[in-house]
Amino acid sequence: TLCDSTLRKRSTTSAMMKSVAVALALLEGAEAFSPAGLKAAVPSRAGVARMSYESELGVIPPTGFFDPLGLSKNIDEETFAQYRTAELKHGRVAQLCVIGYIVPEIYRFPGEIAPG
């Protein structure tokens, strides 16, 4: 009947939209772990005790170099590069955690884990 075919089309469209949403979420998660196209080269000068970070990648005009806890005071460039790398890795893991939280709300695998 006409009503059955309309419901079938809606369920197919809904399933396709969910599949597209899951695919986009997976691509976004995979993109987080791909290498960046242009990385800022950090020259290694371990003898320098202090460095001005005002020209680093990510400095924005209203706030400048944002370090409210002062974690970058009196560190060398190598330590700053290590902090920057750790910050990027933690940000990528946080993105995947959000994807892992959102995807189960959009898509459910068939069946039950604990029936009853």
Protein backbone atom coordinates (compact mmCIF):
# COMPACT_ATOMS: atom_id res chain seq x y z
CA THR A 1 0.00 0.00 0.00
CA LEU A 2 0.92 3.64 -0.25
CA CYS A 3 1.34 4.05 3.51
CA ASP A 4 3.70 1.05 3.75
CA SER A 5 5.89 2.29 0.91
CA THR A 6 6.08 5.76 2.50
CA LEU A 7 7.11 4.26 5.85
CA ARG A 8 9.67 2.05 4.11
CA LYS A 9 11.14 5.09 2.32
CA ARG A 10 11.32 7.03 5.59
CA SER A 11 13.04 4.19 7.43
CA THR A 12 15.50 3.75 4.54
CA THR A 13 16.20 7.49 4.52
CA SER A 14 16.60 7.50 8.29
CA ALA A 15 19.00 4.54 8.16
CA MET A 16 20.98 6.21 5.38
CA MET A 17 21.23 9.47 7.36
CA LYS A 18 22.47 7.56 10.40
CA SER A 19 25.05 5.76 8.27
CA VAL A 20 26.26 9.07 6.83
CA ALA A 21 26.49 10.58 10.32
CA VAL A 22 28.52 7.61 11.59
CA ALA A 23 30.81 7.74 8.53
CA LEU A 24 31.43 11.46 9.01
CA ALA A 25 32.15 10.93 12.70
CA LEU A 26 34.67 8.20 11.88
CA LEU A 27 36.35 10.38 9.26
CA GLU A 28 36.60 13.24 11.72
CA GLY A 29 38.18 10.91 14.26
CA ALA A 30 40.65 9.60 11.71
CA GLU A 31 41.51 13.15 10.65
CA ALA A 32 42.53 13.97 14.21
CA PHE A 33 45.38 11.47 13.97
CA SER A 34 46.61 12.42 10.52
CA PRO A 35 49.77 14.51 10.37
CA ALA A 36 49.33 18.24 9.96
CA GLY A 37 50.15 19.66 6.54
CA LEU A 38 52.37 22.48 7.70
CA LYS A 39 54.16 22.12 11.00
CA ALA A 40 56.04 24.93 12.60
CA ALA A 41 59.72 24.11 12.82
CA VAL A 42 61.06 24.64 16.32
CA PRO A 43 64.80 25.18 16.26
CA SER A 44 66.58 23.44 19.11
CA ARG A 45 68.56 25.76 21.35
CA ALA A 46 68.73 23.95 24.68
CA GLY A 47 71.02 26.61 26.18
CA VAL A 48 68.34 29.32 26.08
CA ALA A 49 66.56 29.54 29.43
CA ARG A 50 63.77 31.90 28.39
CA MET A 51 62.00 32.37 25.11
CA SER A 52 59.32 34.74 23.88
CA TYR A 53 56.35 32.72 22.63
CA GLU A 54 54.48 35.66 21.12
CA SER A 55 55.34 34.56 17.57
CA GLU A 56 54.34 30.89 17.98
CA LEU A 57 51.61 29.18 16.00
CA GLY A 58 48.20 29.66 17.67
CA VAL A 59 48.76 33.11 19.16
CA ILE A 60 45.61 35.18 18.63
CA PRO A 61 45.34 38.99 18.70
CA PRO A 62 42.90 39.60 21.58
CA THR A 63 44.76 37.49 24.13
CA GLY A 64 48.20 36.98 22.66
CA PHE A 65 50.06 33.99 24.05
CA PHE A 66 47.61 32.51 26.57
CA ASP A 67 49.31 30.84 29.54
CA PRO A 68 47.28 31.71 32.65
CA LEU A 69 49.11 29.23 34.92
CA GLY A 70 52.57 30.30 33.82
CA LEU A 71 53.63 26.82 32.73
CA SER A 72 55.89 28.20 30.02
CA LYS A 73 57.94 30.47 32.26
CA ASN A 74 61.65 29.65 32.38
CA ILE A 75 61.48 26.66 30.02
CA ASP A 76 63.56 26.03 26.95
CA GLU A 77 62.29 25.48 23.41
CA GLU A 78 62.59 21.70 23.63
CA THR A 79 60.30 21.56 26.67
CA PHE A 80 57.87 23.95 24.98
CA ALA A 81 57.77 21.66 21.92
CA GLN A 82 57.12 18.68 24.21
CA TYR A 83 54.25 20.55 25.92
CA ARG A 84 52.81 21.54 22.54
CA THR A 85 52.94 17.93 21.31
CA ALA A 86 51.24 16.67 24.48
CA GLU A 87 48.54 19.32 24.14
CA LEU A 88 47.79 18.24 20.56
CA LYS A 89 47.64 14.55 21.51
CA HIS A 90 45.31 15.23 24.44
CA GLY A 91 43.07 17.36 22.22
CA ARG A 92 42.83 14.56 19.66
CA VAL A 93 41.96 12.00 22.32
CA ALA A 94 39.28 14.37 23.67
CA GLN A 95 37.80 14.68 20.16
CA LEU A 96 37.59 10.90 19.86
CA CYS A 97 35.95 10.71 23.30
CA VAL A 98 33.26 13.14 22.20
CA ILE A 99 32.69 11.13 19.01
CA GLY A 100 32.43 7.98 21.13
CA TYR A 101 29.82 9.68 23.27
CA ILE A 102 27.73 11.03 20.37
CA VAL A 103 27.76 8.06 17.95
CA PRO A 104 25.85 5.66 20.27
CA GLU A 105 23.11 8.26 20.53
CA ILE A 106 22.74 8.27 16.73
CA TYR A 107 23.33 4.62 15.88
CA ARG A 108 22.50 1.48 17.86
CA PHE A 109 23.79 -1.95 16.94
CA PRO A 110 21.04 -4.53 16.58
CA GLY A 111 20.34 -6.85 19.49
CA GLU A 112 20.70 -6.44 23.22
CA ILE A 113 23.72 -6.94 25.42
CA ALA A 114 21.74 -8.13 28.42
CA PRO A 115 18.20 -9.18 27.47
CA GLY A 116 15.69 -9.43 30.26
